[in-house]
PDB file of all heavy atoms in Angstrom:
ATOM      1  N   ARG A   1     -51.469 -33.709 -24.189  1.00  0.00           N
ATOM      2  CA  ARG A   1     -50.550 -34.723 -24.735  1.00  0.00           C
ATOM      3  C   ARG A   1     -49.528 -34.097 -25.681  1.00  0.00           C
ATOM      4  O   ARG A   1     -48.362 -34.458 -25.688  1.00  0.00           O
ATOM      5  CB  ARG A   1     -51.335 -35.818 -25.437  1.00  0.00           C
ATOM      6  CG  ARG A   1     -52.088 -36.730 -24.468  1.00  0.00           C
ATOM      7  CD  ARG A   1     -52.765 -37.879 -25.162  1.00  0.00           C
ATOM      8  NE  ARG A   1     -54.013 -37.484 -25.803  1.00  0.00           N
ATOM      9  CZ  ARG A   1     -54.200 -37.390 -27.091  1.00  0.00           C
ATOM     10  NH1 ARG A   1     -53.184 -37.634 -27.934  1.00  0.00           N
ATOM     11  NH2 ARG A   1     -55.363 -37.024 -27.601  1.00  0.00           N
ATOM     12  N   PHE A   2     -49.975 -33.144 -26.493  1.00  0.00           N
ATOM     13  CA  PHE A   2     -49.078 -32.527 -27.448  1.00  0.00           C
ATOM     14  C   PHE A   2     -48.019 -31.652 -26.769  1.00  0.00           C
ATOM     15  O   PHE A   2     -46.863 -31.650 -27.155  1.00  0.00           O
ATOM     16  CB  PHE A   2     -49.868 -31.696 -28.458  1.00  0.00           C
ATOM     17  CG  PHE A   2     -50.509 -32.510 -29.548  1.00  0.00           C
ATOM     18  CD1 PHE A   2     -50.710 -33.869 -29.411  1.00  0.00           C
ATOM     19  CD2 PHE A   2     -50.944 -31.908 -30.717  1.00  0.00           C
ATOM     20  CE1 PHE A   2     -51.298 -34.631 -30.409  1.00  0.00           C
ATOM     21  CE2 PHE A   2     -51.533 -32.640 -31.724  1.00  0.00           C
ATOM     22  CZ  PHE A   2     -51.728 -34.013 -31.577  1.00  0.00           C
ATOM     23  N   VAL A   3     -48.420 -30.925 -25.721  1.00  0.00           N
ATOM     24  CA  VAL A   3     -47.456 -30.100 -24.990  1.00  0.00           C
ATOM     25  C   VAL A   3     -46.440 -30.992 -24.279  1.00  0.00           C
ATOM     26  O   VAL A   3     -45.242 -30.691 -24.286  1.00  0.00           O
ATOM     27  CB  VAL A   3     -48.197 -29.186 -23.996  1.00  0.00           C
ATOM     28  CG1 VAL A   3     -47.206 -28.549 -23.000  1.00  0.00           C
ATOM     29  CG2 VAL A   3     -48.924 -28.083 -24.734  1.00  0.00           C
ATOM     30  N   GLN A   4     -46.917 -32.069 -23.693  1.00  0.00           N
ATOM     31  CA  GLN A   4     -45.993 -33.007 -23.051  1.00  0.00           C
ATOM     32  C   GLN A   4     -45.014 -33.582 -24.057  1.00  0.00           C
ATOM     33  O   GLN A   4     -43.814 -33.740 -23.778  1.00  0.00           O
ATOM     34  CB  GLN A   4     -46.781 -34.133 -22.382  1.00  0.00           C
ATOM     35  CG  GLN A   4     -47.537 -33.685 -21.157  1.00  0.00           C
ATOM     36  CD  GLN A   4     -48.436 -34.782 -20.595  1.00  0.00           C
ATOM     37  OE1 GLN A   4     -48.174 -35.975 -20.803  1.00  0.00           O
ATOM     38  NE2 GLN A   4     -49.478 -34.404 -19.904  1.00  0.00           N
ATOM     39  N   GLU A   5     -45.493 -33.885 -25.276  1.00  0.00           N
ATOM     40  CA  GLU A   5     -44.634 -34.432 -26.312  1.00  0.00           C
ATOM     41  C   GLU A   5     -43.560 -33.389 -26.719  1.00  0.00           C
ATOM     42  O   GLU A   5     -42.400 -33.752 -26.911  1.00  0.00           O
ATOM     43  CB  GLU A   5     -45.454 -34.814 -27.513  1.00  0.00           C
ATOM     44  CG  GLU A   5     -44.679 -35.443 -28.666  1.00  0.00           C
ATOM     45  CD  GLU A   5     -44.073 -36.779 -28.306  1.00  0.00           C
ATOM     46  OE1 GLU A   5     -44.635 -37.477 -27.426  1.00  0.00           O
ATOM     47  OE2 GLU A   5     -42.997 -37.128 -28.861  1.00  0.00           O
ATOM     48  N   ALA A   6     -43.970 -32.130 -26.831  1.00  0.00           N
ATOM     49  CA  ALA A   6     -43.015 -31.083 -27.199  1.00  0.00           C
ATOM     50  C   ALA A   6     -41.955 -30.933 -26.103  1.00  0.00           C
ATOM     51  O   ALA A   6     -40.767 -30.782 -26.395  1.00  0.00           O
ATOM     52  CB  ALA A   6     -43.742 -29.762 -27.427  1.00  0.00           C
ATOM     53  N   GLU A   7     -42.390 -30.946 -24.848  1.00  0.00           N
ATOM     54  CA  GLU A   7     -41.429 -30.820 -23.739  1.00  0.00           C
ATOM     55  C   GLU A   7     -40.492 -32.028 -23.708  1.00  0.00           C
ATOM     56  O   GLU A   7     -39.276 -31.862 -23.535  1.00  0.00           O
ATOM     57  CB  GLU A   7     -42.191 -30.706 -22.430  1.00  0.00           C
ATOM     58  CG  GLU A   7     -42.946 -29.411 -22.258  1.00  0.00           C
ATOM     59  CD  GLU A   7     -43.813 -29.385 -21.023  1.00  0.00           C
ATOM     60  OE1 GLU A   7     -44.152 -30.473 -20.480  1.00  0.00           O
ATOM     61  OE2 GLU A   7     -44.192 -28.267 -20.591  1.00  0.00           O
ATOM     62  N   TYR A   8     -41.028 -33.212 -23.855  1.00  0.00           N
ATOM     63  CA  TYR A   8     -40.210 -34.410 -23.836  1.00  0.00           C
ATOM     64  C   TYR A   8     -39.205 -34.418 -24.980  1.00  0.00           C
ATOM     65  O   TYR A   8     -38.107 -34.929 -24.865  1.00  0.00           O
ATOM     66  CB  TYR A   8     -41.103 -35.667 -23.934  1.00  0.00           C
ATOM     67  CG  TYR A   8     -40.332 -36.956 -23.872  1.00  0.00           C
ATOM     68  CD1 TYR A   8     -39.898 -37.486 -22.647  1.00  0.00           C
ATOM     69  CD2 TYR A   8     -40.015 -37.667 -25.048  1.00  0.00           C
ATOM     70  CE1 TYR A   8     -39.172 -38.661 -22.598  1.00  0.00           C
ATOM     71  CE2 TYR A   8     -39.305 -38.839 -24.996  1.00  0.00           C
ATOM     72  CZ  TYR A   8     -38.885 -39.336 -23.778  1.00  0.00           C
ATOM     73  OH  TYR A   8     -38.148 -40.515 -23.747  1.00  0.00           O
ATOM     74  N   SER A   9     -39.597 -33.847 -26.128  1.00  0.00           N
ATOM     75  CA  SER A   9     -38.740 -33.799 -27.282  1.00  0.00           C
ATOM     76  C   SER A   9     -37.602 -32.769 -27.158  1.00  0.00           C
ATOM     77  O   SER A   9     -36.728 -32.694 -28.007  1.00  0.00           O
ATOM     78  CB  SER A   9     -39.525 -33.483 -28.567  1.00  0.00           C
ATOM     79  OG  SER A   9     -40.480 -34.495 -28.827  1.00  0.00           O
ATOM     80  N   GLY A  10     -37.641 -31.976 -26.078  1.00  0.00           N
ATOM     81  CA  GLY A  10     -36.567 -31.051 -25.826  1.00  0.00           C
ATOM     82  C   GLY A  10     -36.812 -29.640 -26.316  1.00  0.00           C
ATOM     83  O   GLY A  10     -35.857 -28.854 -26.405  1.00  0.00           O
ATOM     84  N   ALA A  11     -38.056 -29.282 -26.657  1.00  0.00           N
ATOM     85  CA  ALA A  11     -38.361 -27.942 -27.102  1.00  0.00           C
ATOM     86  C   ALA A  11     -38.139 -26.933 -25.966  1.00  0.00           C
ATOM     87  O   ALA A  11     -38.711 -27.087 -24.887  1.00  0.00           O
ATOM     88  CB  ALA A  11     -39.772 -27.839 -27.622  1.00  0.00           C
ATOM     89  N   SER A  12     -37.320 -25.920 -26.203  1.00  0.00           N
ATOM     90  CA  SER A  12     -37.039 -24.920 -25.190  1.00  0.00           C
ATOM     91  C   SER A  12     -38.028 -23.763 -25.271  1.00  0.00           C
ATOM     92  O   SER A  12     -38.169 -22.988 -24.303  1.00  0.00           O
ATOM     93  CB  SER A  12     -35.615 -24.383 -25.332  1.00  0.00           C
ATOM     94  OG  SER A  12     -35.412 -23.832 -26.638  1.00  0.00           O
ATOM     95  N   HIS A  13     -38.697 -23.595 -26.371  1.00  0.00           N
ATOM     96  CA  HIS A  13     -39.709 -22.572 -26.536  1.00  0.00           C
ATOM     97  C   HIS A  13     -40.951 -23.233 -27.172  1.00  0.00           C
ATOM     98  O   HIS A  13     -40.823 -23.913 -28.170  1.00  0.00           O
ATOM     99  CB  HIS A  13     -39.239 -21.443 -27.454  1.00  0.00           C
ATOM    100  CG  HIS A  13     -37.974 -20.793 -26.973  1.00  0.00           C
ATOM    101  ND1 HIS A  13     -37.944 -19.873 -25.957  1.00  0.00           N
ATOM    102  CD2 HIS A  13     -36.693 -20.963 -27.382  1.00  0.00           C
ATOM    103  CE1 HIS A  13     -36.701 -19.483 -25.748  1.00  0.00           C
ATOM    104  NE2 HIS A  13     -35.907 -20.121 -26.595  1.00  0.00           N
ATOM    105  N   ILE A  14     -42.113 -22.992 -26.566  1.00  0.00           N
ATOM    106  CA  ILE A  14     -43.358 -23.594 -27.075  1.00  0.00           C
ATOM    107  C   ILE A  14     -44.394 -22.470 -27.222  1.00  0.00           C
ATOM    108  O   ILE A  14     -44.647 -21.708 -26.283  1.00  0.00           O
ATOM    109  CB  ILE A  14     -43.890 -24.673 -26.146  1.00  0.00           C
ATOM    110  CG1 ILE A  14     -42.877 -25.825 -26.038  1.00  0.00           C
ATOM    111  CG2 ILE A  14     -45.228 -25.198 -26.641  1.00  0.00           C
ATOM    112  CD1 ILE A  14     -43.270 -26.900 -25.042  1.00  0.00           C
ATOM    113  N   ARG A  15     -44.975 -22.390 -28.433  1.00  0.00           N
ATOM    114  CA  ARG A  15     -45.997 -21.382 -28.683  1.00  0.00           C
ATOM    115  C   ARG A  15     -47.302 -22.114 -29.024  1.00  0.00           C
ATOM    116  O   ARG A  15     -47.315 -23.043 -29.841  1.00  0.00           O
ATOM    117  CB  ARG A  15     -45.614 -20.478 -29.842  1.00  0.00           C
ATOM    118  CG  ARG A  15     -46.657 -19.366 -30.131  1.00  0.00           C
ATOM    119  CD  ARG A  15     -46.211 -18.481 -31.278  1.00  0.00           C
ATOM    120  NE  ARG A  15     -47.176 -17.400 -31.525  1.00  0.00           N
ATOM    121  CZ  ARG A  15     -47.066 -16.536 -32.501  1.00  0.00           C
ATOM    122  NH1 ARG A  15     -46.038 -16.594 -33.331  1.00  0.00           N
ATOM    123  NH2 ARG A  15     -47.985 -15.591 -32.658  1.00  0.00           N
ATOM    124  N   VAL A  16     -48.393 -21.683 -28.387  1.00  0.00           N
ATOM    125  CA  VAL A  16     -49.702 -22.305 -28.614  1.00  0.00           C
ATOM    126  C   VAL A  16     -50.655 -21.226 -29.125  1.00  0.00           C
ATOM    127  O   VAL A  16     -50.781 -20.157 -28.514  1.00  0.00           O
ATOM    128  CB  VAL A  16     -50.250 -22.904 -27.310  1.00  0.00           C
ATOM    129  CG1 VAL A  16     -51.569 -23.653 -27.590  1.00  0.00           C
ATOM    130  CG2 VAL A  16     -49.234 -23.850 -26.682  1.00  0.00           C
ATOM    131  N   ALA A  17     -51.292 -21.505 -30.246  1.00  0.00           N
ATOM    132  CA  ALA A  17     -52.178 -20.502 -30.850  1.00  0.00           C
ATOM    133  C   ALA A  17     -53.466 -21.139 -31.359  1.00  0.00           C
ATOM    134  O   ALA A  17     -53.451 -22.288 -31.842  1.00  0.00           O
ATOM    135  CB  ALA A  17     -51.465 -19.758 -31.982  1.00  0.00           C
ATOM    136  N   GLY A  18     -54.561 -20.399 -31.267  1.00  0.00           N
ATOM    137  CA  GLY A  18     -55.849 -20.847 -31.765  1.00  0.00           C
ATOM    138  C   GLY A  18     -56.313 -19.970 -32.887  1.00  0.00           C
ATOM    139  O   GLY A  18     -55.908 -18.813 -32.988  1.00  0.00           O
ATOM    140  N   THR A  19     -57.164 -20.515 -33.738  1.00  0.00           N
ATOM    141  CA  THR A  19     -57.601 -19.786 -34.926  1.00  0.00           C
ATOM    142  C   THR A  19     -59.123 -19.562 -34.928  1.00  0.00           C
ATOM    143  O   THR A  19     -59.679 -19.064 -33.956  1.00  0.00           O
ATOM    144  CB  THR A  19     -57.116 -20.480 -36.194  1.00  0.00           C
ATOM    145  OG1 THR A  19     -57.555 -21.862 -36.192  1.00  0.00           O
ATOM    146  CG2 THR A  19     -55.603 -20.446 -36.289  1.00  0.00           C
ATOM    147  N   SER A  20     -59.783 -19.952 -35.980  1.00  0.00           N
ATOM    148  CA  SER A  20     -61.171 -19.520 -36.245  1.00  0.00           C
ATOM    149  C   SER A  20     -62.148 -19.821 -35.108  1.00  0.00           C
ATOM    150  O   SER A  20     -62.922 -18.957 -34.714  1.00  0.00           O
ATOM    151  CB  SER A  20     -61.668 -20.172 -37.534  1.00  0.00           C
ATOM    152  OG  SER A  20     -63.007 -19.856 -37.771  1.00  0.00           O
ATOM    153  N   ALA A  21     -62.127 -21.055 -34.572  1.00  0.00           N
ATOM    154  CA  ALA A  21     -63.117 -21.412 -33.548  1.00  0.00           C
ATOM    155  C   ALA A  21     -62.989 -20.516 -32.320  1.00  0.00           C
ATOM    156  O   ALA A  21     -63.997 -20.008 -31.794  1.00  0.00           O
ATOM    157  CB  ALA A  21     -62.965 -22.882 -33.166  1.00  0.00           C
ATOM    158  N   LEU A  22     -61.763 -20.315 -31.855  1.00  0.00           N
ATOM    159  CA  LEU A  22     -61.580 -19.507 -30.652  1.00  0.00           C
ATOM    160  C   LEU A  22     -61.874 -18.039 -30.890  1.00  0.00           C
ATOM    161  O   LEU A  22     -62.342 -17.349 -29.978  1.00  0.00           O
ATOM    162  CB  LEU A  22     -60.156 -19.706 -30.101  1.00  0.00           C
ATOM    163  CG  LEU A  22     -59.852 -21.045 -29.455  1.00  0.00           C
ATOM    164  CD1 LEU A  22     -58.392 -21.146 -29.047  1.00  0.00           C
ATOM    165  CD2 LEU A  22     -60.756 -21.287 -28.245  1.00  0.00           C
ATOM    166  N   ARG A  23     -61.593 -17.546 -32.058  1.00  0.00           N
ATOM    167  CA  ARG A  23     -61.851 -16.095 -32.298  1.00  0.00           C
ATOM    168  C   ARG A  23     -63.306 -15.798 -32.624  1.00  0.00           C
ATOM    169  O   ARG A  23     -63.739 -14.659 -32.445  1.00  0.00           O
ATOM    170  CB  ARG A  23     -60.917 -15.542 -33.357  1.00  0.00           C
ATOM    171  CG  ARG A  23     -61.121 -15.998 -34.774  1.00  0.00           C
ATOM    172  CD  ARG A  23     -60.229 -15.204 -35.758  1.00  0.00           C
ATOM    173  NE  ARG A  23     -60.296 -15.767 -37.104  1.00  0.00           N
ATOM    174  CZ  ARG A  23     -59.367 -16.515 -37.641  1.00  0.00           C
ATOM    175  NH1 ARG A  23     -58.266 -16.811 -36.949  1.00  0.00           N
ATOM    176  NH2 ARG A  23     -59.508 -17.007 -38.869  1.00  0.00           N
ATOM    177  N   SER A  24     -64.072 -16.772 -33.106  1.00  0.00           N
ATOM    178  CA  SER A  24     -65.460 -16.513 -33.485  1.00  0.00           C
ATOM    179  C   SER A  24     -66.481 -16.884 -32.408  1.00  0.00           C
ATOM    180  O   SER A  24     -67.586 -16.358 -32.401  1.00  0.00           O
ATOM    181  CB  SER A  24     -65.819 -17.239 -34.791  1.00  0.00           C
ATOM    182  OG  SER A  24     -65.708 -18.635 -34.637  1.00  0.00           O
TER     183      SER A  24
END
């Protein structure tokens, strides 16, 4: 839903990053 919202809002560049849970 968040990626769709960013695309709909007109974002030309989208970066997705994870922190503690994904690295541990």
